[in-house]
Amino acid sequence: MKLAKLIGYQKGSVVSREVIRKQTGTVSVFAFDKGEGLSEHTAPFDALVYILDGEANIYISGKKHLAKEEELIIMPANKPHSLKAVKRFKMLLIMIRS
């Protein structure tokens, strides 16, 4: 399975697809058009983001991180975070619940 091919870009949108959901966590893929993002929020679980394609600014507790293709970043539980596409990008999101 090629993760980047599981989801396509849509103009002006954020698209997501859940790959697996278990009691211990979820795995999802997202596609963000340029300039799109997710507003600041917190989650009660650690999350790992792996960039499949493109570039994104990922903000964790107000600190900006530029994430590029084939890079990953961990977003710690209960820390405010947000995402914004520098150019369109796809990511794999792994949420770990236990």
C-alpha atoms as a PDB file:
ATOM      1  CA  MET A   1       0.000   0.000   0.000  1.00  0.00           C
ATOM      2  CA  LYS A   2       1.334   3.446  -0.919  1.00  0.00           C
ATOM      3  CA  LEU A   3       0.045   5.832   1.737  1.00  0.00           C
ATOM      4  CA  ALA A   4       0.310   8.972  -0.399  1.00  0.00           C
ATOM      5  CA  LYS A   5      -1.942   7.368  -3.013  1.00  0.00           C
ATOM      6  CA  LEU A   6      -4.727   6.630  -0.509  1.00  0.00           C
ATOM      7  CA  ILE A   7      -5.875  10.238  -0.624  1.00  0.00           C
ATOM      8  CA  GLY A   8      -5.967  13.019  -3.207  1.00  0.00           C
ATOM      9  CA  TYR A   9      -5.728  16.776  -3.024  1.00  0.00           C
ATOM     10  CA  GLN A  10      -8.858  18.905  -3.364  1.00  0.00           C
ATOM     11  CA  LYS A  11      -8.623  22.610  -4.148  1.00  0.00           C
ATOM     12  CA  GLY A  12      -9.186  24.776  -1.071  1.00  0.00           C
ATOM     13  CA  SER A  13      -9.734  21.783   1.204  1.00  0.00           C
ATOM     14  CA  VAL A  14      -8.395  19.457   3.839  1.00  0.00           C
ATOM     15  CA  VAL A  15      -9.223  15.819   3.123  1.00  0.00           C
ATOM     16  CA  SER A  16      -8.755  12.909   5.519  1.00  0.00           C
ATOM     17  CA  ARG A  17      -9.111   9.153   5.449  1.00  0.00           C
ATOM     18  CA  GLU A  18      -8.916   6.841   8.422  1.00  0.00           C
ATOM     19  CA  VAL A  19      -6.759   3.794   7.709  1.00  0.00           C
ATOM     20  CA  ILE A  20      -7.249   1.963  10.998  1.00  0.00           C
ATOM     21  CA  ARG A  21      -9.043   2.578  14.307  1.00  0.00           C
ATOM     22  CA  LYS A  22      -8.257   0.544  17.403  1.00  0.00           C
ATOM     23  CA  GLN A  23      -8.828   1.101  21.091  1.00  0.00           C
ATOM     24  CA  THR A  24      -5.101   1.891  21.452  1.00  0.00           C
ATOM     25  CA  GLY A  25      -5.024   4.469  18.655  1.00  0.00           C
ATOM     26  CA  THR A  26      -5.753   5.506  15.088  1.00  0.00           C
ATOM     27  CA  VAL A  27      -3.860   5.898  11.833  1.00  0.00           C
ATOM     28  CA  SER A  28      -5.128   8.442   9.285  1.00  0.00           C
ATOM     29  CA  VAL A  29      -3.856  10.154   6.151  1.00  0.00           C
ATOM     30  CA  PHE A  30      -4.574  13.797   5.346  1.00  0.00           C
ATOM     31  CA  ALA A  31      -4.154  15.976   2.241  1.00  0.00           C
ATOM     32  CA  PHE A  32      -4.010  19.774   2.639  1.00  0.00           C
ATOM     33  CA  ASP A  33      -4.204  22.249  -0.217  1.00  0.00           C
ATOM     34  CA  LYS A  34      -1.729  25.150  -0.079  1.00  0.00           C
ATOM     35  CA  GLY A  35      -2.680  27.614   2.660  1.00  0.00           C
ATOM     36  CA  GLU A  36      -5.104  25.210   4.359  1.00  0.00           C
ATOM     37  CA  GLY A  37      -4.590  23.919   7.873  1.00  0.00           C
ATOM     38  CA  LEU A  38      -5.984  22.925  11.233  1.00  0.00           C
ATOM     39  CA  SER A  39      -6.558  25.577  13.893  1.00  0.00           C
ATOM     40  CA  GLU A  40      -4.882  25.383  17.263  1.00  0.00           C
ATOM     41  CA  HIS A  41      -6.200  22.627  19.500  1.00  0.00           C
ATOM     42  CA  THR A  42      -5.029  20.089  22.067  1.00  0.00           C
ATOM     43  CA  ALA A  43      -5.394  16.330  22.213  1.00  0.00           C
ATOM     44  CA  PRO A  44      -5.218  14.062  25.248  1.00  0.00           C
ATOM     45  CA  PHE A  45      -2.863  11.682  23.404  1.00  0.00           C
ATOM     46  CA  ASP A  46       0.575  11.855  21.802  1.00  0.00           C
ATOM     47  CA  ALA A  47       0.488  12.111  18.013  1.00  0.00           C
ATOM     48  CA  LEU A  48       3.146  11.380  15.425  1.00  0.00           C
ATOM     49  CA  VAL A  49       2.985  13.241  12.103  1.00  0.00           C
ATOM     50  CA  TYR A  50       4.969  11.929   9.120  1.00  0.00           C
ATOM     51  CA  ILE A  51       5.046  14.143   6.023  1.00  0.00           C
ATOM     52  CA  LEU A  52       4.394  12.056   2.910  1.00  0.00           C
ATOM     53  CA  ASP A  53       4.555  14.909   0.380  1.00  0.00           C
ATOM     54  CA  GLY A  54       5.028  18.703   0.433  1.00  0.00           C
ATOM     55  CA  GLU A  55       5.730  21.064   3.350  1.00  0.00           C
ATOM     56  CA  ALA A  56       3.869  22.332   6.394  1.00  0.00           C
ATOM     57  CA  ASN A  57       4.410  24.667   9.297  1.00  0.00           C
ATOM     58  CA  ILE A  58       3.566  22.800  12.469  1.00  0.00           C
ATOM     59  CA  TYR A  59       3.163  24.871  15.608  1.00  0.00           C
ATOM     60  CA  ILE A  60       3.560  23.234  19.013  1.00  0.00           C
ATOM     61  CA  SER A  61       3.072  25.428  22.087  1.00  0.00           C
ATOM     62  CA  GLY A  62       3.614  28.486  19.875  1.00  0.00           C
ATOM     63  CA  LYS A  63       6.916  27.265  18.380  1.00  0.00           C
ATOM     64  CA  LYS A  64       7.021  26.893  14.577  1.00  0.00           C
ATOM     65  CA  HIS A  65       8.549  23.813  12.950  1.00  0.00           C
ATOM     66  CA  LEU A  66       8.904  23.497   9.170  1.00  0.00           C
ATOM     67  CA  ALA A  67       8.201  19.859   8.297  1.00  0.00           C
ATOM     68  CA  LYS A  68       9.125  18.544   4.852  1.00  0.00           C
ATOM     69  CA  GLU A  69       8.641  15.324   2.916  1.00  0.00           C
ATOM     70  CA  GLU A  70       9.953  12.237   4.744  1.00  0.00           C
ATOM     71  CA  GLU A  71      10.279  14.094   8.058  1.00  0.00           C
ATOM     72  CA  LEU A  72       8.324  13.418  11.215  1.00  0.00           C
ATOM     73  CA  ILE A  73       7.406  15.326  14.330  1.00  0.00           C
ATOM     74  CA  ILE A  74       5.819  14.269  17.591  1.00  0.00           C
ATOM     75  CA  MET A  75       3.045  16.420  19.022  1.00  0.00           C
ATOM     76  CA  PRO A  76       2.925  15.748  22.778  1.00  0.00           C
ATOM     77  CA  ALA A  77      -0.353  15.180  24.583  1.00  0.00           C
ATOM     78  CA  ASN A  78      -2.074  18.246  26.039  1.00  0.00           C
ATOM     79  CA  LYS A  79       0.197  20.734  24.208  1.00  0.00           C
ATOM     80  CA  PRO A  80      -1.555  23.209  21.883  1.00  0.00           C
ATOM     81  CA  HIS A  81      -0.712  22.580  18.228  1.00  0.00           C
ATOM     82  CA  SER A  82      -1.810  23.636  14.752  1.00  0.00           C
ATOM     83  CA  LEU A  83      -0.828  23.012  11.121  1.00  0.00           C
ATOM     84  CA  LYS A  84      -0.673  25.150   7.985  1.00  0.00           C
ATOM     85  CA  ALA A  85       0.332  24.068   4.476  1.00  0.00           C
ATOM     86  CA  VAL A  86       3.313  26.019   3.127  1.00  0.00           C
ATOM     87  CA  LYS A  87       2.588  24.221  -0.124  1.00  0.00           C
ATOM     88  CA  ARG A  88       0.127  21.415  -0.497  1.00  0.00           C
ATOM     89  CA  PHE A  89       1.101  18.444   1.617  1.00  0.00           C
ATOM     90  CA  LYS A  90       0.035  14.991   2.704  1.00  0.00           C
ATOM     91  CA  MET A  91       0.663  13.525   6.110  1.00  0.00           C
ATOM     92  CA  LEU A  92       0.259  10.321   8.046  1.00  0.00           C
ATOM     93  CA  LEU A  93      -1.146  10.907  11.552  1.00  0.00           C
ATOM     94  CA  ILE A  94      -0.690   8.259  14.221  1.00  0.00           C
ATOM     95  CA  MET A  95      -2.581   8.896  17.465  1.00  0.00           C
ATOM     96  CA  ILE A  96      -1.415   6.774  20.378  1.00  0.00           C
ATOM     97  CA  ARG A  97      -4.004   6.375  23.134  1.00  0.00           C
ATOM     98  CA  SER A  98      -2.135   4.099  25.512  1.00  0.00           C
END
